[in-house]
Structure formats: structure tokens, C-alpha cells
């Protein structure tokens, strides 16, 4: 049950706080959509503020590590995309 809750929180965080890099003359990370739920403190690894030049001030939360089976389609796609981006 705890793993399911942690996975749900992670997915919601990733979905709702899309922190994307901008061009070199712009701030490093800005959030454009926001997660409105609550993340348990025990799941938080780190918190940083978005760049002061962002239109909306926000915090970027990194949550605890979780394991996702390689048989899960979205996880396979995310992994493959990460590998392509790393090249």
C-alpha cells in the first residue's frame, strides 16, 4: 500500500510540476502546471526554488526513489526516451 501511495505521489508530482529547461538567456527551470496535493515529508528527498526570473514562483520537489516493473508500458517508454536523450 505504501509503495502504491508513493508511486501515485511521484506520478502526480511529475505530471503537475512540469519543470522544463528554457533557452540560455532564460531562467533555468520554471513550472507551468502545479500539483495541489500534499506530499508526505518522509517522501521528500530535496526541495529547490524555481529561478527568480520565472513568472510563477514555485518549489520543485524530488521525492523518494521507487521501483517500477519493467513490464509497465509507461515505464518502458520513459526509460527508452531517457536513453535516446542521453545519446
PDB file of N, CA and C in Angstrom:
ATOM      1  N   UNK A   1       0.819  -1.192   0.000  1.00  0.00           N
ATOM      2  CA  UNK A   1       0.000   0.000   0.000  1.00  0.00           C
ATOM      3  C   UNK A   1       0.867   1.261   0.000  1.00  0.00           C
ATOM      4  N   UNK A   2       1.931   1.279   0.828  1.00  0.00           N
ATOM      5  CA  UNK A   2       2.806   2.451   0.880  1.00  0.00           C
ATOM      6  C   UNK A   2       3.468   2.687  -0.463  1.00  0.00           C
ATOM      7  N   UNK A   3       3.876   1.595  -1.143  1.00  0.00           N
ATOM      8  CA  UNK A   3       4.507   1.724  -2.451  1.00  0.00           C
ATOM      9  C   UNK A   3       3.529   2.314  -3.454  1.00  0.00           C
ATOM     10  N   UNK A   4       2.278   1.894  -3.399  1.00  0.00           N
ATOM     11  CA  UNK A   4       1.258   2.418  -4.302  1.00  0.00           C
ATOM     12  C   UNK A   4       1.035   3.903  -4.065  1.00  0.00           C
ATOM     13  N   UNK A   5       0.970   4.314  -2.821  1.00  0.00           N
ATOM     14  CA  UNK A   5       0.782   5.729  -2.492  1.00  0.00           C
ATOM     15  C   UNK A   5       1.993   6.530  -2.952  1.00  0.00           C
ATOM     16  N   UNK A   6       3.182   6.017  -2.706  1.00  0.00           N
ATOM     17  CA  UNK A   6       4.405   6.696  -3.135  1.00  0.00           C
ATOM     18  C   UNK A   6       4.464   6.848  -4.644  1.00  0.00           C
ATOM     19  N   UNK A   7       4.089   5.793  -5.366  1.00  0.00           N
ATOM     20  CA  UNK A   7       4.076   5.842  -6.825  1.00  0.00           C
ATOM     21  C   UNK A   7       3.077   6.874  -7.311  1.00  0.00           C
ATOM     22  N   UNK A   8       1.907   6.888  -6.707  1.00  0.00           N
ATOM     23  CA  UNK A   8       0.888   7.857  -7.089  1.00  0.00           C
ATOM     24  C   UNK A   8       1.378   9.280  -6.857  1.00  0.00           C
ATOM     25  N   UNK A   9       1.990   9.519  -5.717  1.00  0.00           N
ATOM     26  CA  UNK A   9       2.512  10.861  -5.418  1.00  0.00           C
ATOM     27  C   UNK A   9       3.584  11.273  -6.416  1.00  0.00           C
ATOM     28  N   UNK A  10       4.464  10.346  -6.744  1.00  0.00           N
ATOM     29  CA  UNK A  10       5.516  10.646  -7.704  1.00  0.00           C
ATOM     30  C   UNK A  10       4.927  10.973  -9.060  1.00  0.00           C
ATOM     31  N   UNK A  11       3.985  10.160  -9.516  1.00  0.00           N
ATOM     32  CA  UNK A  11       3.373  10.396 -10.818  1.00  0.00           C
ATOM     33  C   UNK A  11       2.649  11.736 -10.858  1.00  0.00           C
ATOM     34  N   UNK A  12       1.932  12.057  -9.800  1.00  0.00           N
ATOM     35  CA  UNK A  12       1.224  13.333  -9.755  1.00  0.00           C
ATOM     36  C   UNK A  12       2.199  14.500  -9.742  1.00  0.00           C
ATOM     37  N   UNK A  13       3.288  14.342  -9.021  1.00  0.00           N
ATOM     38  CA  UNK A  13       4.292  15.398  -8.963  1.00  0.00           C
ATOM     39  C   UNK A  13       4.908  15.631 -10.336  1.00  0.00           C
ATOM     40  N   UNK A  14       5.282  14.542 -10.991  1.00  0.00           N
ATOM     41  CA  UNK A  14       5.889  14.652 -12.319  1.00  0.00           C
ATOM     42  C   UNK A  14       4.893  15.270 -13.296  1.00  0.00           C
ATOM     43  N   UNK A  15       3.641  14.833 -13.246  1.00  0.00           N
ATOM     44  CA  UNK A  15       2.629  15.331 -14.166  1.00  0.00           C
ATOM     45  C   UNK A  15       2.290  16.792 -13.921  1.00  0.00           C
ATOM     46  N   UNK A  16       2.144  17.196 -12.668  1.00  0.00           N
ATOM     47  CA  UNK A  16       1.657  18.527 -12.361  1.00  0.00           C
ATOM     48  C   UNK A  16       2.736  19.591 -12.196  1.00  0.00           C
ATOM     49  N   UNK A  17       3.948  19.204 -12.039  1.00  0.00           N
ATOM     50  CA  UNK A  17       5.005  20.218 -11.930  1.00  0.00           C
ATOM     51  C   UNK A  17       6.015  19.975 -13.027  1.00  0.00           C
ATOM     52  N   UNK A  18       5.649  20.334 -14.219  1.00  0.00           N
ATOM     53  CA  UNK A  18       6.498  20.112 -15.387  1.00  0.00           C
ATOM     54  C   UNK A  18       7.573  21.182 -15.410  1.00  0.00           C
ATOM     55  N   UNK A  19       8.684  20.905 -14.785  1.00  0.00           N
ATOM     56  CA  UNK A  19       9.796  21.847 -14.760  1.00  0.00           C
ATOM     57  C   UNK A  19      10.641  21.590 -15.996  1.00  0.00           C
ATOM     58  N   UNK A  20      10.651  22.542 -16.925  1.00  0.00           N
ATOM     59  CA  UNK A  20      11.367  22.324 -18.170  1.00  0.00           C
ATOM     60  C   UNK A  20      12.448  23.381 -18.339  1.00  0.00           C
ATOM     61  N   UNK A  21      13.578  22.977 -18.929  1.00  0.00           N
ATOM     62  CA  UNK A  21      14.638  23.944 -19.158  1.00  0.00           C
ATOM     63  C   UNK A  21      14.267  24.902 -20.287  1.00  0.00           C
ATOM     64  N   UNK A  22      14.681  26.143 -20.172  1.00  0.00           N
ATOM     65  CA  UNK A  22      14.426  27.132 -21.201  1.00  0.00           C
ATOM     66  C   UNK A  22      15.733  27.458 -21.909  1.00  0.00           C
ATOM     67  N   UNK A  23      15.722  28.400 -22.856  1.00  0.00           N
ATOM     68  CA  UNK A  23      16.954  28.715 -23.575  1.00  0.00           C
ATOM     69  C   UNK A  23      17.966  29.380 -22.648  1.00  0.00           C
ATOM     70  N   UNK A  24      19.183  29.568 -23.146  1.00  0.00           N
ATOM     71  CA  UNK A  24      20.283  30.021 -22.289  1.00  0.00           C
ATOM     72  C   UNK A  24      20.067  31.403 -21.691  1.00  0.00           C
ATOM     73  N   UNK A  25      19.299  32.269 -22.352  1.00  0.00           N
ATOM     74  CA  UNK A  25      19.094  33.607 -21.821  1.00  0.00           C
ATOM     75  C   UNK A  25      17.953  33.663 -20.810  1.00  0.00           C
ATOM     76  N   UNK A  26      17.245  32.557 -20.658  1.00  0.00           N
ATOM     77  CA  UNK A  26      16.115  32.494 -19.737  1.00  0.00           C
ATOM     78  C   UNK A  26      16.512  31.797 -18.448  1.00  0.00           C
ATOM     79  N   UNK A  27      15.654  31.891 -17.427  1.00  0.00           N
ATOM     80  CA  UNK A  27      15.912  31.168 -16.174  1.00  0.00           C
ATOM     81  C   UNK A  27      16.031  29.672 -16.416  1.00  0.00           C
ATOM     82  N   UNK A  28      16.728  28.976 -15.526  1.00  0.00           N
ATOM     83  CA  UNK A  28      16.967  27.548 -15.688  1.00  0.00           C
ATOM     84  C   UNK A  28      15.726  26.679 -15.670  1.00  0.00           C
ATOM     85  N   UNK A  29      14.917  26.764 -14.635  1.00  0.00           N
ATOM     86  CA  UNK A  29      13.728  25.928 -14.523  1.00  0.00           C
ATOM     87  C   UNK A  29      12.550  26.762 -14.075  1.00  0.00           C
ATOM     88  N   UNK A  30      11.429  26.572 -14.764  1.00  0.00           N
ATOM     89  CA  UNK A  30      10.191  27.226 -14.372  1.00  0.00           C
ATOM     90  C   UNK A  30       9.075  26.193 -14.423  1.00  0.00           C
ATOM     91  N   UNK A  31       8.128  26.281 -13.526  1.00  0.00           N
ATOM     92  CA  UNK A  31       6.975  25.377 -13.519  1.00  0.00           C
ATOM     93  C   UNK A  31       5.792  26.090 -14.153  1.00  0.00           C
ATOM     94  N   UNK A  32       5.021  25.325 -14.927  1.00  0.00           N
ATOM     95  CA  UNK A  32       3.864  25.895 -15.603  1.00  0.00           C
ATOM     96  C   UNK A  32       2.555  25.236 -15.193  1.00  0.00           C
ATOM     97  N   UNK A  33       2.627  24.065 -14.641  1.00  0.00           N
ATOM     98  CA  UNK A  33       1.457  23.407 -14.065  1.00  0.00           C
ATOM     99  C   UNK A  33       1.853  22.948 -12.673  1.00  0.00           C
ATOM    100  N   UNK A  34       0.873  22.841 -11.778  1.00  0.00           N
ATOM    101  CA  UNK A  34       1.208  22.621 -10.380  1.00  0.00           C
ATOM    102  C   UNK A  34       0.383  21.528  -9.732  1.00  0.00           C
ATOM    103  N   UNK A  35       1.042  20.719  -8.931  1.00  0.00           N
ATOM    104  CA  UNK A  35       0.417  19.690  -8.114  1.00  0.00           C
ATOM    105  C   UNK A  35      -0.157  20.379  -6.887  1.00  0.00           C
ATOM    106  N   UNK A  36      -1.414  20.119  -6.577  1.00  0.00           N
ATOM    107  CA  UNK A  36      -2.045  20.808  -5.451  1.00  0.00           C
ATOM    108  C   UNK A  36      -2.246  19.908  -4.239  1.00  0.00           C
ATOM    109  N   UNK A  37      -1.838  18.643  -4.362  1.00  0.00           N
ATOM    110  CA  UNK A  37      -1.974  17.720  -3.241  1.00  0.00           C
ATOM    111  C   UNK A  37      -0.881  17.941  -2.211  1.00  0.00           C
ATOM    112  N   UNK A  38      -0.787  17.033  -1.285  1.00  0.00           N
ATOM    113  CA  UNK A  38       0.207  17.124  -0.219  1.00  0.00           C
ATOM    114  C   UNK A  38       1.169  15.950  -0.345  1.00  0.00           C
ATOM    115  N   UNK A  39       2.450  16.200  -0.254  1.00  0.00           N
ATOM    116  CA  UNK A  39       3.477  15.162  -0.316  1.00  0.00           C
ATOM    117  C   UNK A  39       3.970  14.925   1.104  1.00  0.00           C
ATOM    118  N   UNK A  40       3.879  13.689   1.605  1.00  0.00           N
ATOM    119  CA  UNK A  40       4.366  13.410   2.960  1.00  0.00           C
ATOM    120  C   UNK A  40       5.856  13.750   3.083  1.00  0.00           C
ATOM    121  N   UNK A  41       6.232  14.386   4.166  1.00  0.00           N
ATOM    122  CA  UNK A  41       7.618  14.811   4.386  1.00  0.00           C
ATOM    123  C   UNK A  41       8.601  13.654   4.260  1.00  0.00           C
ATOM    124  N   UNK A  42       8.198  12.459   4.672  1.00  0.00           N
ATOM    125  CA  UNK A  42       9.108  11.312   4.610  1.00  0.00           C
ATOM    126  C   UNK A  42       9.435  10.918   3.165  1.00  0.00           C
ATOM    127  N   UNK A  43       8.639  11.379   2.191  1.00  0.00           N
ATOM    128  CA  UNK A  43       8.885  11.056   0.786  1.00  0.00           C
ATOM    129  C   UNK A  43       9.736  12.098   0.074  1.00  0.00           C
ATOM    130  N   UNK A  44      10.042  13.201   0.743  1.00  0.00           N
ATOM    131  CA  UNK A  44      10.777  14.292   0.118  1.00  0.00           C
ATOM    132  C   UNK A  44      12.278  14.084   0.281  1.00  0.00           C
ATOM    133  N   UNK A  45      12.973  14.071  -0.852  1.00  0.00           N
ATOM    134  CA  UNK A  45      14.435  13.955  -0.849  1.00  0.00           C
ATOM    135  C   UNK A  45      15.052  15.342  -0.843  1.00  0.00           C
ATOM    136  N   UNK A  46      14.525  16.242  -1.673  1.00  0.00           N
ATOM    137  CA  UNK A  46      15.031  17.609  -1.708  1.00  0.00           C
ATOM    138  C   UNK A  46      13.963  18.545  -2.251  1.00  0.00           C
ATOM    139  N   UNK A  47      14.156  19.830  -1.964  1.00  0.00           N
ATOM    140  CA  UNK A  47      13.257  20.874  -2.443  1.00  0.00           C
ATOM    141  C   UNK A  47      14.116  22.046  -2.881  1.00  0.00           C
ATOM    142  N   UNK A  48      13.825  22.582  -4.054  1.00  0.00           N
ATOM    143  CA  UNK A  48      14.523  23.777  -4.518  1.00  0.00           C
ATOM    144  C   UNK A  48      13.495  24.780  -5.016  1.00  0.00           C
ATOM    145  N   UNK A  49      13.869  26.044  -4.999  1.00  0.00           N
ATOM    146  CA  UNK A  49      13.012  27.085  -5.541  1.00  0.00           C
ATOM    147  C   UNK A  49      13.297  27.223  -7.032  1.00  0.00           C
ATOM    148  N   UNK A  50      12.263  27.583  -7.784  1.00  0.00           N
ATOM    149  CA  UNK A  50      12.486  27.887  -9.193  1.00  0.00           C
ATOM    150  C   UNK A  50      13.269  29.196  -9.291  1.00  0.00           C
ATOM    151  N   UNK A  51      13.821  29.466 -10.443  1.00  0.00           N
ATOM    152  CA  UNK A  51      14.619  30.663 -10.681  1.00  0.00           C
ATOM    153  C   UNK A  51      13.790  31.916 -10.407  1.00  0.00           C
ATOM    154  N   UNK A  52      14.429  32.938  -9.906  1.00  0.00           N
ATOM    155  CA  UNK A  52      13.712  34.168  -9.551  1.00  0.00           C
ATOM    156  C   UNK A  52      13.108  34.862 -10.765  1.00  0.00           C
ATOM    157  N   UNK A  53      13.582  34.521 -11.964  1.00  0.00           N
ATOM    158  CA  UNK A  53      13.054  35.123 -13.185  1.00  0.00           C
ATOM    159  C   UNK A  53      11.808  34.444 -13.721  1.00  0.00           C
ATOM    160  N   UNK A  54      11.372  33.361 -13.094  1.00  0.00           N
ATOM    161  CA  UNK A  54      10.168  32.652 -13.548  1.00  0.00           C
ATOM    162  C   UNK A  54       8.933  33.503 -13.261  1.00  0.00           C
ATOM    163  N   UNK A  55       7.934  33.395 -14.120  1.00  0.00           N
ATOM    164  CA  UNK A  55       6.699  34.148 -13.926  1.00  0.00           C
ATOM    165  C   UNK A  55       5.981  33.739 -12.646  1.00  0.00           C
ATOM    166  N   UNK A  56       5.959  32.448 -12.356  1.00  0.00           N
ATOM    167  CA  UNK A  56       5.282  31.930 -11.161  1.00  0.00           C
ATOM    168  C   UNK A  56       6.339  31.356 -10.227  1.00  0.00           C
ATOM    169  N   UNK A  57       6.391  31.842  -8.999  1.00  0.00           N
ATOM    170  CA  UNK A  57       7.320  31.301  -8.007  1.00  0.00           C
ATOM    171  C   UNK A  57       6.824  29.927  -7.598  1.00  0.00           C
ATOM    172  N   UNK A  58       7.740  28.968  -7.503  1.00  0.00           N
ATOM    173  CA  UNK A  58       7.348  27.599  -7.168  1.00  0.00           C
ATOM    174  C   UNK A  58       8.496  26.872  -6.494  1.00  0.00           C
ATOM    175  N   UNK A  59       8.180  25.713  -5.927  1.00  0.00           N
ATOM    176  CA  UNK A  59       9.167  24.793  -5.384  1.00  0.00           C
ATOM    177  C   UNK A  59       9.181  23.552  -6.260  1.00  0.00           C
ATOM    178  N   UNK A  60      10.355  23.001  -6.489  1.00  0.00           N
ATOM    179  CA  UNK A  60      10.480  21.741  -7.222  1.00  0.00           C
ATOM    180  C   UNK A  60      10.869  20.677  -6.201  1.00  0.00           C
ATOM    181  N   UNK A  61       9.985  19.697  -6.007  1.00  0.00           N
ATOM    182  CA  UNK A  61      10.204  18.624  -5.045  1.00  0.00           C
ATOM    183  C   UNK A  61      10.745  17.390  -5.737  1.00  0.00           C
ATOM    184  N   UNK A  62      11.759  16.789  -5.140  1.00  0.00           N
ATOM    185  CA  UNK A  62      12.249  15.489  -5.577  1.00  0.00           C
ATOM    186  C   UNK A  62      11.825  14.516  -4.498  1.00  0.00           C
ATOM    187  N   UNK A  63      11.100  13.467  -4.901  1.00  0.00           N
ATOM    188  CA  UNK A  63      10.586  12.517  -3.924  1.00  0.00           C
ATOM    189  C   UNK A  63      11.461  11.277  -3.859  1.00  0.00           C
ATOM    190  N   UNK A  64      11.149  10.404  -2.912  1.00  0.00           N
ATOM    191  CA  UNK A  64      11.942   9.209  -2.686  1.00  0.00           C
ATOM    192  C   UNK A  64      11.954   8.286  -3.894  1.00  0.00           C
ATOM    193  N   UNK A  65      12.971   7.474  -3.961  1.00  0.00           N
ATOM    194  CA  UNK A  65      13.128   6.512  -5.042  1.00  0.00           C
ATOM    195  C   UNK A  65      12.080   5.413  -4.923  1.00  0.00           C
ATOM    196  N   UNK A  66      11.509   5.051  -6.057  1.00  0.00           N
ATOM    197  CA  UNK A  66      10.561   3.948  -6.082  1.00  0.00           C
ATOM    198  C   UNK A  66      10.929   2.998  -7.211  1.00  0.00           C
ATOM    199  N   UNK A  67      10.479   1.777  -7.140  1.00  0.00           N
ATOM    200  CA  UNK A  67      10.731   0.789  -8.178  1.00  0.00           C
ATOM    201  C   UNK A  67       9.462   0.577  -8.996  1.00  0.00           C
ATOM    202  N   UNK A  68       9.637   0.516 -10.307  1.00  0.00           N
ATOM    203  CA  UNK A  68       8.526   0.254 -11.218  1.00  0.00           C
ATOM    204  C   UNK A  68       8.934  -0.916 -12.098  1.00  0.00           C
ATOM    205  N   UNK A  69       8.070  -1.904 -12.222  1.00  0.00           N
ATOM    206  CA  UNK A  69       8.350  -3.095 -13.011  1.00  0.00           C
ATOM    207  C   UNK A  69       8.636  -2.728 -14.469  1.00  0.00           C
ATOM    208  N   UNK A  70       9.569  -3.448 -15.076  1.00  0.00           N
ATOM    209  CA  UNK A  70       9.887  -3.218 -16.477  1.00  0.00           C
ATOM    210  C   UNK A  70       8.762  -3.652 -17.404  1.00  0.00           C
ATOM    211  N   UNK A  71       7.770  -4.330 -16.865  1.00  0.00           N
ATOM    212  CA  UNK A  71       6.635  -4.746 -17.688  1.00  0.00           C
ATOM    213  C   UNK A  71       5.581  -3.642 -17.818  1.00  0.00           C
ATOM    214  N   UNK A  72       5.753  -2.532 -17.117  1.00  0.00           N
ATOM    215  CA  UNK A  72       4.807  -1.420 -17.183  1.00  0.00           C
ATOM    216  C   UNK A  72       5.143  -0.569 -18.414  1.00  0.00           C
ATOM    217  N   UNK A  73       4.156  -0.404 -19.280  1.00  0.00           N
ATOM    218  CA  UNK A  73       4.375   0.259 -20.565  1.00  0.00           C
ATOM    219  C   UNK A  73       4.918   1.674 -20.430  1.00  0.00           C
ATOM    220  N   UNK A  74       4.309   2.494 -19.561  1.00  0.00           N
ATOM    221  CA  UNK A  74       4.772   3.877 -19.462  1.00  0.00           C
ATOM    222  C   UNK A  74       6.204   3.939 -18.961  1.00  0.00           C
ATOM    223  N   UNK A  75       6.585   3.010 -18.083  1.00  0.00           N
ATOM    224  CA  UNK A  75       7.943   2.992 -17.549  1.00  0.00           C
ATOM    225  C   UNK A  75       8.941   2.614 -18.639  1.00  0.00           C
ATOM    226  N   UNK A  76       8.564   1.655 -19.492  1.00  0.00           N
ATOM    227  CA  UNK A  76       9.423   1.269 -20.620  1.00  0.00           C
ATOM    228  C   UNK A  76       9.643   2.458 -21.552  1.00  0.00           C
ATOM    229  N   UNK A  77       8.561   3.161 -21.873  1.00  0.00           N
ATOM    230  CA  UNK A  77       8.661   4.316 -22.774  1.00  0.00           C
ATOM    231  C   UNK A  77       9.521   5.422 -22.176  1.00  0.00           C
ATOM    232  N   UNK A  78       9.339   5.697 -20.890  1.00  0.00           N
ATOM    233  CA  UNK A  78      10.129   6.739 -20.221  1.00  0.00           C
ATOM    234  C   UNK A  78      11.614   6.371 -20.209  1.00  0.00           C
ATOM    235  N   UNK A  79      11.904   5.099 -19.940  1.00  0.00           N
ATOM    236  CA  UNK A  79      13.289   4.648 -19.923  1.00  0.00           C
ATOM    237  C   UNK A  79      13.911   4.781 -21.311  1.00  0.00           C
ATOM    238  N   UNK A  80      13.188   4.322 -22.325  1.00  0.00           N
ATOM    239  CA  UNK A  80      13.698   4.395 -23.703  1.00  0.00           C
ATOM    240  C   UNK A  80      13.948   5.838 -24.114  1.00  0.00           C
ATOM    241  N   UNK A  81      13.049   6.741 -23.755  1.00  0.00           N
ATOM    242  CA  UNK A  81      13.222   8.149 -24.083  1.00  0.00           C
ATOM    243  C   UNK A  81      14.444   8.728 -23.378  1.00  0.00           C
ATOM    244  N   UNK A  82      14.659   8.320 -22.124  1.00  0.00           N
ATOM    245  CA  UNK A  82      15.834   8.794 -21.393  1.00  0.00           C
ATOM    246  C   UNK A  82      17.116   8.327 -22.074  1.00  0.00           C
ATOM    247  N   UNK A  83      17.114   7.098 -22.569  1.00  0.00           N
ATOM    248  CA  UNK A  83      18.290   6.562 -23.248  1.00  0.00           C
ATOM    249  C   UNK A  83      18.571   7.329 -24.532  1.00  0.00           C
ATOM    250  N   UNK A  84      17.522   7.672 -25.270  1.00  0.00           N
ATOM    251  CA  UNK A  84      17.675   8.438 -26.502  1.00  0.00           C
ATOM    252  C   UNK A  84      18.211   9.829 -26.193  1.00  0.00           C
ATOM    253  N   UNK A  85      17.695  10.459 -25.170  1.00  0.00           N
ATOM    254  CA  UNK A  85      18.126  11.801 -24.789  1.00  0.00           C
ATOM    255  C   UNK A  85      19.571  11.821 -24.302  1.00  0.00           C
ATOM    256  N   UNK A  86      20.029  10.722 -23.726  1.00  0.00           N
ATOM    257  CA  UNK A  86      21.398  10.653 -23.183  1.00  0.00           C
ATOM    258  C   UNK A  86      22.443  10.538 -24.297  1.00  0.00           C
ATOM    259  N   UNK A  87      22.020  10.098 -25.459  1.00  0.00           N
ATOM    260  CA  UNK A  87      22.979   9.908 -26.578  1.00  0.00           C
ATOM    261  C   UNK A  87      23.420  11.157 -27.219  1.00  0.00           C
TER     262      UNK A  87
END
